[in-house]
Amino acid sequence: MTDKYAVIGNPIGHSKSPDIHRMFANQTNQDMAYTALQAEPDQFDSAIDEFISSNGMGLNITLPFKQEAFRLANQLSVHAQRSGAVNTLIISSTGEIHGDNTDGVGLLRDLTKNLNIKVNEARILVLGAGGAVRGILPSLIDEKPVSITLANRTESKAHDIANLFLEVFPISPNRYDQLAGKTFDLIINGTSSSVTHSMPEIPNRILELNGFVYDLMYASEPTPFLKWGISQGASLATDGLGMLVEQAAQSFYLWRSILPETEIVIKTLKQQFQTHRH
C-alpha cells in the first residue's frame, strides 16, 4: 500500500513541497504519495485528525500552523522544544504524534554545504522575531558563530527571543535603527517583508565588504532584501530555495530513514523558476 504524506498550510497553492518530495521518492524508490492540504485557521486539529484516521504517516507544517503543531504533538524533539515551533509531524503506528523542526538543519546545510559559508566564523545579524526565526536560531547557535544579533521593528520581541536562548548563547537584541555603525558578515532576513515586496527598515553600510545576505523566503524574482544586499556589495545574495529543499530532505529522512540527494532537486527547481521568469 502506498504510504501517505502531505503538507498542510493556508494558503498552500504555491507550495513546492509536493514536487520536492515526489523527486525524493523517485530518487530513493519509495512507494509514497505526497499531497498539499489547505486548512482553515480554526480547522487545523480536525484536518490533522482526518489525515491520521486515513492512515497518513507524516506531515509538513507551514504557515500559519507551526505553533499549533507544536501544541498538538505528543512528543517533541530537542529542536522543536528549543524553537517552540514544529514543521514536521511523524505519525507512529499507534497514532502518537511526534513533532520536529527541520528548518534550522535545512538552513545550516544550505549555508555550509551548498554555499560554503563558514557560519562559525561569522558575525550574524538575523532580522525578524517570528516563528521562522525561532526555528533557525538553535541550529545557528550550535555552530558557535562569533556573534548573533537579532533585530526587529519592536525591540521587545527581539528581547523575548533572546531570553529564550539566554542559557545557551548571548544573543544581542536591537531595534533596526540601533544597527547603524555595526557591521555583519552574514545577514539573514527572517521577516515576512518579502511576501509584501517590502524591505526591513535597516540602515545602509552594515554589511561587511564581501559579506553574505540570505532571505528565508524564496521567489522567482530577487526580493527587495536581496537587491539591497547586492547594492551593499554582498559577494553572495541568495533566497531560501536551498533551505526549503534541505529541510524537506531532513523531514524525508525522519519519515523514511533515508537521506535523499538535494543538489539535483535544487537545480531542477531553479531551472523551473528561470523558465517561469522568461
C-alpha atoms as a PDB file:
ATOM      1  CA  MET A   1       0.000   0.000   0.000  1.00  0.00           C
ATOM      2  CA  THR A   2       1.260   3.476  -0.901  1.00  0.00           C
ATOM      3  CA  ASP A   3       2.283   5.465   2.214  1.00  0.00           C
ATOM      4  CA  LYS A   4       0.566   8.834   2.633  1.00  0.00           C
ATOM      5  CA  TYR A   5       2.232  12.148   3.418  1.00  0.00           C
ATOM      6  CA  ALA A   6       1.180  15.787   2.993  1.00  0.00           C
ATOM      7  CA  VAL A   7       1.974  19.431   3.630  1.00  0.00           C
ATOM      8  CA  ILE A   8      -0.655  21.492   5.429  1.00  0.00           C
ATOM      9  CA  GLY A   9      -0.944  25.283   5.493  1.00  0.00           C
ATOM     10  CA  ASN A  10      -3.003  28.284   4.399  1.00  0.00           C
ATOM     11  CA  PRO A  11      -2.553  29.349   1.644  1.00  0.00           C
ATOM     12  CA  ILE A  12      -0.945  26.231   0.180  1.00  0.00           C
ATOM     13  CA  GLY A  13      -1.386  26.504  -3.607  1.00  0.00           C
ATOM     14  CA  HIS A  14       2.133  27.889  -4.155  1.00  0.00           C
ATOM     15  CA  SER A  15       3.854  25.109  -2.191  1.00  0.00           C
ATOM     16  CA  LYS A  16       6.816  23.380  -3.849  1.00  0.00           C
ATOM     17  CA  SER A  17       6.809  20.585  -1.237  1.00  0.00           C
ATOM     18  CA  PRO A  18       4.777  18.052  -3.324  1.00  0.00           C
ATOM     19  CA  ASP A  19       7.252  18.471  -6.230  1.00  0.00           C
ATOM     20  CA  ILE A  20      10.266  18.147  -3.927  1.00  0.00           C
ATOM     21  CA  HIS A  21       9.015  15.006  -2.162  1.00  0.00           C
ATOM     22  CA  ARG A  22       7.978  13.430  -5.470  1.00  0.00           C
ATOM     23  CA  MET A  23      11.565  13.879  -6.700  1.00  0.00           C
ATOM     24  CA  PHE A  24      12.932  12.451  -3.436  1.00  0.00           C
ATOM     25  CA  ALA A  25      10.583   9.421  -3.622  1.00  0.00           C
ATOM     26  CA  ASN A  26      11.553   8.684  -7.251  1.00  0.00           C
ATOM     27  CA  GLN A  27      15.232   9.048  -6.470  1.00  0.00           C
ATOM     28  CA  THR A  28      15.110   6.660  -3.473  1.00  0.00           C
ATOM     29  CA  ASN A  29      12.460   4.237  -4.821  1.00  0.00           C
ATOM     30  CA  GLN A  30       9.961   4.900  -2.033  1.00  0.00           C
ATOM     31  CA  ASP A  31       6.315   3.925  -2.511  1.00  0.00           C
ATOM     32  CA  MET A  32       4.702   7.083  -1.172  1.00  0.00           C
ATOM     33  CA  ALA A  33       2.187   9.764  -2.165  1.00  0.00           C
ATOM     34  CA  TYR A  34       2.542  13.394  -1.039  1.00  0.00           C
ATOM     35  CA  THR A  35      -0.228  15.973  -1.376  1.00  0.00           C
ATOM     36  CA  ALA A  36      -0.970  19.570  -0.326  1.00  0.00           C
ATOM     37  CA  LEU A  37      -3.820  20.227   2.127  1.00  0.00           C
ATOM     38  CA  GLN A  38      -5.335  23.619   2.873  1.00  0.00           C
ATOM     39  CA  ALA A  39      -6.886  24.045   6.327  1.00  0.00           C
ATOM     40  CA  GLU A  40      -8.888  26.985   7.628  1.00  0.00           C
ATOM     41  CA  PRO A  41      -7.358  28.607  10.735  1.00  0.00           C
ATOM     42  CA  ASP A  42      -9.918  27.037  13.124  1.00  0.00           C
ATOM     43  CA  GLN A  43      -9.883  23.639  11.367  1.00  0.00           C
ATOM     44  CA  PHE A  44      -6.240  22.621  11.885  1.00  0.00           C
ATOM     45  CA  ASP A  45      -6.860  19.984  14.594  1.00  0.00           C
ATOM     46  CA  SER A  46      -9.697  18.318  12.704  1.00  0.00           C
ATOM     47  CA  ALA A  47      -7.669  18.316   9.457  1.00  0.00           C
ATOM     48  CA  ILE A  48      -4.843  16.501  11.296  1.00  0.00           C
ATOM     49  CA  ASP A  49      -7.293  14.010  12.853  1.00  0.00           C
ATOM     50  CA  GLU A  50      -8.789  13.288   9.464  1.00  0.00           C
ATOM     51  CA  PHE A  51      -5.350  12.770   7.900  1.00  0.00           C
ATOM     52  CA  ILE A  52      -4.273  10.376  10.676  1.00  0.00           C
ATOM     53  CA  SER A  53      -7.518   8.390  10.503  1.00  0.00           C
ATOM     54  CA  SER A  54      -6.945   7.921   6.749  1.00  0.00           C
ATOM     55  CA  ASN A  55      -3.622   6.174   7.608  1.00  0.00           C
ATOM     56  CA  GLY A  56      -1.461   9.248   6.972  1.00  0.00           C
ATOM     57  CA  MET A  57       2.125   8.713   8.143  1.00  0.00           C
ATOM     58  CA  GLY A  58       3.658  12.170   8.219  1.00  0.00           C
ATOM     59  CA  LEU A  59       3.053  15.856   7.610  1.00  0.00           C
ATOM     60  CA  ASN A  60       4.993  19.005   6.853  1.00  0.00           C
ATOM     61  CA  ILE A  61       3.536  22.061   8.541  1.00  0.00           C
ATOM     62  CA  THR A  62       3.812  25.503   7.010  1.00  0.00           C
ATOM     63  CA  LEU A  63       2.358  28.959   7.779  1.00  0.00           C
ATOM     64  CA  PRO A  64       0.368  29.715   9.842  1.00  0.00           C
ATOM     65  CA  PHE A  65       0.273  26.427  11.784  1.00  0.00           C
ATOM     66  CA  LYS A  66       3.795  25.785  13.170  1.00  0.00           C
ATOM     67  CA  GLN A  67       2.905  26.841  16.725  1.00  0.00           C
ATOM     68  CA  GLU A  68      -0.361  24.861  16.599  1.00  0.00           C
ATOM     69  CA  ALA A  69       1.537  21.752  15.516  1.00  0.00           C
ATOM     70  CA  PHE A  70       3.884  22.300  18.472  1.00  0.00           C
ATOM     71  CA  ARG A  71       0.874  22.295  20.802  1.00  0.00           C
ATOM     72  CA  LEU A  72      -0.651  19.235  19.155  1.00  0.00           C
ATOM     73  CA  ALA A  73       2.377  16.905  19.257  1.00  0.00           C
ATOM     74  CA  ASN A  74       2.526  14.193  21.947  1.00  0.00           C
ATOM     75  CA  GLN A  75       6.339  14.148  21.838  1.00  0.00           C
ATOM     76  CA  LEU A  76       8.791  16.861  20.756  1.00  0.00           C
ATOM     77  CA  SER A  77      12.372  16.680  19.501  1.00  0.00           C
ATOM     78  CA  VAL A  78      15.040  18.874  21.114  1.00  0.00           C
ATOM     79  CA  HIS A  79      14.998  21.180  18.050  1.00  0.00           C
ATOM     80  CA  ALA A  80      11.210  21.563  18.320  1.00  0.00           C
ATOM     81  CA  GLN A  81      11.372  22.202  22.071  1.00  0.00           C
ATOM     82  CA  ARG A  82      14.040  24.870  21.678  1.00  0.00           C
ATOM     83  CA  SER A  83      12.306  26.680  18.829  1.00  0.00           C
ATOM     84  CA  GLY A  84       8.720  26.412  20.104  1.00  0.00           C
ATOM     85  CA  ALA A  85       7.589  25.583  16.558  1.00  0.00           C
ATOM     86  CA  VAL A  86       7.062  22.362  14.591  1.00  0.00           C
ATOM     87  CA  ASN A  87       7.303  21.911  10.809  1.00  0.00           C
ATOM     88  CA  THR A  88       7.369  18.087  10.670  1.00  0.00           C
ATOM     89  CA  LEU A  89       4.979  15.561  12.218  1.00  0.00           C
ATOM     90  CA  ILE A  90       5.758  11.846  12.313  1.00  0.00           C
ATOM     91  CA  ILE A  91       2.727   9.628  12.994  1.00  0.00           C
ATOM     92  CA  SER A  92       3.545   6.339  14.735  1.00  0.00           C
ATOM     93  CA  SER A  93       1.671   3.094  14.012  1.00  0.00           C
ATOM     94  CA  THR A  94      -0.229   3.642  17.296  1.00  0.00           C
ATOM     95  CA  GLY A  95      -1.278   7.175  16.285  1.00  0.00           C
ATOM     96  CA  GLU A  96       1.233   9.020  18.509  1.00  0.00           C
ATOM     97  CA  ILE A  97       2.268  12.389  17.031  1.00  0.00           C
ATOM     98  CA  HIS A  98       5.981  13.211  17.188  1.00  0.00           C
ATOM     99  CA  GLY A  99       6.883  16.840  16.387  1.00  0.00           C
ATOM    100  CA  ASP A 100      10.213  18.032  14.985  1.00  0.00           C
ATOM    101  CA  ASN A 101      11.619  21.179  13.404  1.00  0.00           C
ATOM    102  CA  THR A 102      13.918  20.761  10.398  1.00  0.00           C
ATOM    103  CA  ASP A 103      14.103  24.448   9.372  1.00  0.00           C
ATOM    104  CA  GLY A 104      17.369  25.138  11.210  1.00  0.00           C
ATOM    105  CA  VAL A 105      19.050  21.986   9.920  1.00  0.00           C
ATOM    106  CA  GLY A 106      17.888  22.908   6.401  1.00  0.00           C
ATOM    107  CA  LEU A 107      19.256  26.445   6.620  1.00  0.00           C
ATOM    108  CA  LEU A 108      22.576  25.281   8.030  1.00  0.00           C
ATOM    109  CA  ARG A 109      23.075  22.628   5.338  1.00  0.00           C
ATOM    110  CA  ASP A 110      22.342  25.190   2.641  1.00  0.00           C
ATOM    111  CA  LEU A 111      24.732  27.755   4.146  1.00  0.00           C
ATOM    112  CA  THR A 112      27.612  25.399   4.915  1.00  0.00           C
ATOM    113  CA  LYS A 113      27.322  22.549   2.378  1.00  0.00           C
ATOM    114  CA  ASN A 114      25.804  24.239  -0.694  1.00  0.00           C
ATOM    115  CA  LEU A 115      27.133  27.790  -0.291  1.00  0.00           C
ATOM    116  CA  ASN A 116      30.400  27.103   1.611  1.00  0.00           C
ATOM    117  CA  ILE A 117      29.772  29.842   4.180  1.00  0.00           C
ATOM    118  CA  LYS A 118      31.796  29.457   7.394  1.00  0.00           C
ATOM    119  CA  VAL A 119      28.985  30.153   9.861  1.00  0.00           C
ATOM    120  CA  ASN A 120      31.300  29.509  12.840  1.00  0.00           C
ATOM    121  CA  GLU A 121      33.500  32.460  11.781  1.00  0.00           C
ATOM    122  CA  ALA A 122      30.641  34.883  11.114  1.00  0.00           C
ATOM    123  CA  ARG A 123      29.098  37.822  12.909  1.00  0.00           C
ATOM    124  CA  ILE A 124      25.459  37.131  12.122  1.00  0.00           C
ATOM    125  CA  LEU A 125      22.502  39.517  12.009  1.00  0.00           C
ATOM    126  CA  VAL A 126      19.041  37.920  11.963  1.00  0.00           C
ATOM    127  CA  LEU A 127      16.086  40.155  11.060  1.00  0.00           C
ATOM    128  CA  GLY A 128      12.637  39.398  12.495  1.00  0.00           C
ATOM    129  CA  ALA A 129      11.238  37.765  15.614  1.00  0.00           C
ATOM    130  CA  GLY A 130       8.558  35.354  14.381  1.00  0.00           C
ATOM    131  CA  GLY A 131       8.276  31.560  14.206  1.00  0.00           C
ATOM    132  CA  ALA A 132      10.725  31.262  11.288  1.00  0.00           C
ATOM    133  CA  VAL A 133      13.461  32.959  13.296  1.00  0.00           C
ATOM    134  CA  ARG A 134      12.773  30.835  16.385  1.00  0.00           C
ATOM    135  CA  GLY A 135      13.058  27.779  14.155  1.00  0.00           C
ATOM    136  CA  ILE A 136      16.538  28.606  12.804  1.00  0.00           C
ATOM    137  CA  LEU A 137      18.265  30.062  15.887  1.00  0.00           C
ATOM    138  CA  PRO A 138      19.043  26.742  17.682  1.00  0.00           C
ATOM    139  CA  SER A 139      20.966  25.459  14.638  1.00  0.00           C
ATOM    140  CA  LEU A 140      22.858  28.740  14.178  1.00  0.00           C
ATOM    141  CA  ILE A 141      23.776  28.663  17.881  1.00  0.00           C
ATOM    142  CA  ASP A 142      25.045  25.067  17.557  1.00  0.00           C
ATOM    143  CA  GLU A 143      27.664  26.338  15.054  1.00  0.00           C
ATOM    144  CA  LYS A 144      29.052  28.730  17.707  1.00  0.00           C
ATOM    145  CA  PRO A 145      29.383  31.820  15.471  1.00  0.00           C
ATOM    146  CA  VAL A 146      31.383  34.862  16.593  1.00  0.00           C
ATOM    147  CA  SER A 147      28.135  36.657  17.497  1.00  0.00           C
ATOM    148  CA  ILE A 148      24.382  36.699  16.803  1.00  0.00           C
ATOM    149  CA  THR A 149      22.437  39.963  16.760  1.00  0.00           C
ATOM    150  CA  LEU A 150      18.659  39.834  16.490  1.00  0.00           C
ATOM    151  CA  ALA A 151      16.883  42.926  15.167  1.00  0.00           C
ATOM    152  CA  ASN A 152      13.175  43.593  14.974  1.00  0.00           C
ATOM    153  CA  ARG A 153      10.954  46.633  14.449  1.00  0.00           C
ATOM    154  CA  THR A 154       9.708  46.234  18.027  1.00  0.00           C
ATOM    155  CA  GLU A 155      12.718  45.622  20.244  1.00  0.00           C
ATOM    156  CA  SER A 156      10.726  43.888  22.999  1.00  0.00           C
ATOM    157  CA  LYS A 157      10.001  40.913  20.690  1.00  0.00           C
ATOM    158  CA  ALA A 158      13.720  40.578  19.939  1.00  0.00           C
ATOM    159  CA  HIS A 159      14.370  40.644  23.718  1.00  0.00           C
ATOM    160  CA  ASP A 160      11.778  37.893  24.291  1.00  0.00           C
ATOM    161  CA  ILE A 161      13.502  35.584  21.808  1.00  0.00           C
ATOM    162  CA  ALA A 162      17.000  36.424  23.056  1.00  0.00           C
ATOM    163  CA  ASN A 163      15.810  35.488  26.573  1.00  0.00           C
ATOM    164  CA  LEU A 164      14.721  32.039  25.347  1.00  0.00           C
ATOM    165  CA  PHE A 165      18.345  31.239  24.472  1.00  0.00           C
ATOM    166  CA  LEU A 166      19.979  33.110  27.354  1.00  0.00           C
ATOM    167  CA  GLU A 167      21.452  29.967  28.923  1.00  0.00           C
ATOM    168  CA  VAL A 168      22.980  28.635  25.700  1.00  0.00           C
ATOM    169  CA  PHE A 169      24.158  31.707  23.742  1.00  0.00           C
ATOM    170  CA  PRO A 170      24.259  35.501  24.244  1.00  0.00           C
ATOM    171  CA  ILE A 171      22.044  36.983  21.517  1.00  0.00           C
ATOM    172  CA  SER A 172      22.090  40.776  21.247  1.00  0.00           C
ATOM    173  CA  PRO A 173      18.540  42.211  20.721  1.00  0.00           C
ATOM    174  CA  ASN A 174      18.174  45.501  18.787  1.00  0.00           C
ATOM    175  CA  ARG A 175      15.721  47.758  17.022  1.00  0.00           C
ATOM    176  CA  TYR A 176      16.526  48.326  13.343  1.00  0.00           C
ATOM    177  CA  ASP A 177      17.710  51.900  13.965  1.00  0.00           C
ATOM    178  CA  GLN A 178      20.199  50.682  16.603  1.00  0.00           C
ATOM    179  CA  LEU A 179      22.185  48.778  13.977  1.00  0.00           C
ATOM    180  CA  ALA A 180      23.865  51.867  12.477  1.00  0.00           C
ATOM    181  CA  GLY A 181      27.632  51.767  12.944  1.00  0.00           C
ATOM    182  CA  LYS A 182      27.749  47.966  13.402  1.00  0.00           C
ATOM    183  CA  THR A 183      28.849  45.504  10.695  1.00  0.00           C
ATOM    184  CA  PHE A 184      27.955  41.878   9.985  1.00  0.00           C
ATOM    185  CA  ASP A 185      29.366  39.111   7.769  1.00  0.00           C
ATOM    186  CA  LEU A 186      26.020  37.359   7.239  1.00  0.00           C
ATOM    187  CA  ILE A 187      22.568  38.999   7.322  1.00  0.00           C
ATOM    188  CA  ILE A 188      19.540  36.671   7.310  1.00  0.00           C
ATOM    189  CA  ASN A 189      16.075  38.071   6.574  1.00  0.00           C
ATOM    190  CA  GLY A 190      13.516  36.154   8.628  1.00  0.00           C
ATOM    191  CA  THR A 191      10.787  38.808   8.386  1.00  0.00           C
ATOM    192  CA  SER A 192       7.733  38.474   6.149  1.00  0.00           C
ATOM    193  CA  SER A 193       8.718  41.653   4.251  1.00  0.00           C
ATOM    194  CA  SER A 194       9.498  39.707   1.064  1.00  0.00           C
ATOM    195  CA  VAL A 195       5.906  38.427   0.939  1.00  0.00           C
ATOM    196  CA  THR A 196       4.718  42.033   0.727  1.00  0.00           C
ATOM    197  CA  HIS A 197       7.620  43.037  -1.592  1.00  0.00           C
ATOM    198  CA  SER A 198       8.891  45.479   1.003  1.00  0.00           C
ATOM    199  CA  MET A 199      12.184  45.855   2.830  1.00  0.00           C
ATOM    200  CA  PRO A 200      13.016  45.824   6.581  1.00  0.00           C
ATOM    201  CA  GLU A 201      13.959  49.366   7.624  1.00  0.00           C
ATOM    202  CA  ILE A 202      17.627  48.650   8.270  1.00  0.00           C
ATOM    203  CA  PRO A 203      20.442  51.176   7.804  1.00  0.00           C
ATOM    204  CA  ASN A 204      22.931  51.008   4.914  1.00  0.00           C
ATOM    205  CA  ARG A 205      26.616  50.112   5.380  1.00  0.00           C
ATOM    206  CA  ILE A 206      26.019  47.393   7.994  1.00  0.00           C
ATOM    207  CA  LEU A 207      27.137  44.571   5.684  1.00  0.00           C
ATOM    208  CA  GLU A 208      30.852  43.753   5.836  1.00  0.00           C
ATOM    209  CA  LEU A 209      32.612  44.089   2.466  1.00  0.00           C
ATOM    210  CA  ASN A 210      32.006  40.828   0.526  1.00  0.00           C
ATOM    211  CA  GLY A 211      29.537  39.703   3.191  1.00  0.00           C
ATOM    212  CA  PHE A 212      26.546  37.432   2.539  1.00  0.00           C
ATOM    213  CA  VAL A 213      22.797  38.102   2.558  1.00  0.00           C
ATOM    214  CA  TYR A 214      20.233  35.307   2.793  1.00  0.00           C
ATOM    215  CA  ASP A 215      16.442  35.602   2.540  1.00  0.00           C
ATOM    216  CA  LEU A 216      14.469  32.740   4.122  1.00  0.00           C
ATOM    217  CA  MET A 217      11.740  33.373   1.511  1.00  0.00           C
ATOM    218  CA  TYR A 218      12.106  32.023  -1.992  1.00  0.00           C
ATOM    219  CA  ALA A 219      10.736  33.716  -5.101  1.00  0.00           C
ATOM    220  CA  SER A 220      11.131  33.696  -8.866  1.00  0.00           C
ATOM    221  CA  GLU A 221      12.493  37.260  -8.742  1.00  0.00           C
ATOM    222  CA  PRO A 222      15.163  38.685  -6.377  1.00  0.00           C
ATOM    223  CA  THR A 223      13.412  40.082  -3.273  1.00  0.00           C
ATOM    224  CA  PRO A 224      13.856  43.745  -2.210  1.00  0.00           C
ATOM    225  CA  PHE A 225      16.149  42.485   0.592  1.00  0.00           C
ATOM    226  CA  LEU A 226      18.411  40.626  -1.867  1.00  0.00           C
ATOM    227  CA  LYS A 227      18.514  43.690  -4.157  1.00  0.00           C
ATOM    228  CA  TRP A 228      19.529  45.755  -1.116  1.00  0.00           C
ATOM    229  CA  GLY A 229      22.287  43.222  -0.347  1.00  0.00           C
ATOM    230  CA  ILE A 230      23.660  43.447  -3.879  1.00  0.00           C
ATOM    231  CA  SER A 231      23.618  47.274  -3.663  1.00  0.00           C
ATOM    232  CA  GLN A 232      25.632  46.972  -0.410  1.00  0.00           C
ATOM    233  CA  GLY A 233      28.375  44.911  -2.091  1.00  0.00           C
ATOM    234  CA  ALA A 234      27.360  41.398  -0.980  1.00  0.00           C
ATOM    235  CA  SER A 235      29.523  38.682  -2.535  1.00  0.00           C
ATOM    236  CA  LEU A 236      26.503  36.372  -2.358  1.00  0.00           C
ATOM    237  CA  ALA A 237      22.786  37.208  -2.184  1.00  0.00           C
ATOM    238  CA  THR A 238      20.537  34.163  -2.158  1.00  0.00           C
ATOM    239  CA  ASP A 239      16.955  33.199  -1.340  1.00  0.00           C
ATOM    240  CA  GLY A 240      15.669  30.278   0.743  1.00  0.00           C
ATOM    241  CA  LEU A 241      15.116  27.746  -2.038  1.00  0.00           C
ATOM    242  CA  GLY A 242      18.116  25.666  -0.923  1.00  0.00           C
ATOM    243  CA  MET A 243      16.886  25.750   2.668  1.00  0.00           C
ATOM    244  CA  LEU A 244      13.422  24.656   1.523  1.00  0.00           C
ATOM    245  CA  VAL A 245      14.878  21.582  -0.199  1.00  0.00           C
ATOM    246  CA  GLU A 246      17.309  20.776   2.632  1.00  0.00           C
ATOM    247  CA  GLN A 247      14.638  20.997   5.374  1.00  0.00           C
ATOM    248  CA  ALA A 248      12.411  18.776   3.203  1.00  0.00           C
ATOM    249  CA  ALA A 249      15.260  16.256   2.881  1.00  0.00           C
ATOM    250  CA  GLN A 250      15.581  16.127   6.673  1.00  0.00           C
ATOM    251  CA  SER A 251      11.795  15.598   7.035  1.00  0.00           C
ATOM    252  CA  PHE A 252      12.035  12.817   4.429  1.00  0.00           C
ATOM    253  CA  TYR A 253      14.850  11.240   6.435  1.00  0.00           C
ATOM    254  CA  LEU A 254      12.784  11.358   9.652  1.00  0.00           C
ATOM    255  CA  TRP A 255       9.934   9.562   7.864  1.00  0.00           C
ATOM    256  CA  ARG A 256      11.812   7.092   5.631  1.00  0.00           C
ATOM    257  CA  SER A 257      15.268   6.712   7.314  1.00  0.00           C
ATOM    258  CA  ILE A 258      16.980   7.626   4.041  1.00  0.00           C
ATOM    259  CA  LEU A 259      18.564  10.991   3.212  1.00  0.00           C
ATOM    260  CA  PRO A 260      17.947  11.947  -0.434  1.00  0.00           C
ATOM    261  CA  GLU A 261      20.386  13.849  -2.682  1.00  0.00           C
ATOM    262  CA  THR A 262      19.418  17.516  -2.720  1.00  0.00           C
ATOM    263  CA  GLU A 263      21.724  19.077  -5.319  1.00  0.00           C
ATOM    264  CA  ILE A 264      19.800  17.832  -8.361  1.00  0.00           C
ATOM    265  CA  VAL A 265      16.447  18.842  -6.802  1.00  0.00           C
ATOM    266  CA  ILE A 266      17.657  22.405  -6.060  1.00  0.00           C
ATOM    267  CA  LYS A 267      18.972  22.627  -9.639  1.00  0.00           C
ATOM    268  CA  THR A 268      15.653  21.408 -11.122  1.00  0.00           C
ATOM    269  CA  LEU A 269      13.594  23.909  -9.098  1.00  0.00           C
ATOM    270  CA  LYS A 270      15.930  26.766 -10.034  1.00  0.00           C
ATOM    271  CA  GLN A 271      15.515  25.867 -13.713  1.00  0.00           C
ATOM    272  CA  GLN A 272      11.724  25.852 -13.270  1.00  0.00           C
ATOM    273  CA  PHE A 273      11.937  29.329 -11.751  1.00  0.00           C
ATOM    274  CA  GLN A 274      14.112  30.567 -14.658  1.00  0.00           C
ATOM    275  CA  THR A 275      11.610  29.197 -17.192  1.00  0.00           C
ATOM    276  CA  HIS A 276       8.770  30.811 -15.245  1.00  0.00           C
ATOM    277  CA  ARG A 277      10.650  34.113 -15.275  1.00  0.00           C
ATOM    278  CA  HIS A 278      11.054  34.268 -19.090  1.00  0.00           C
END
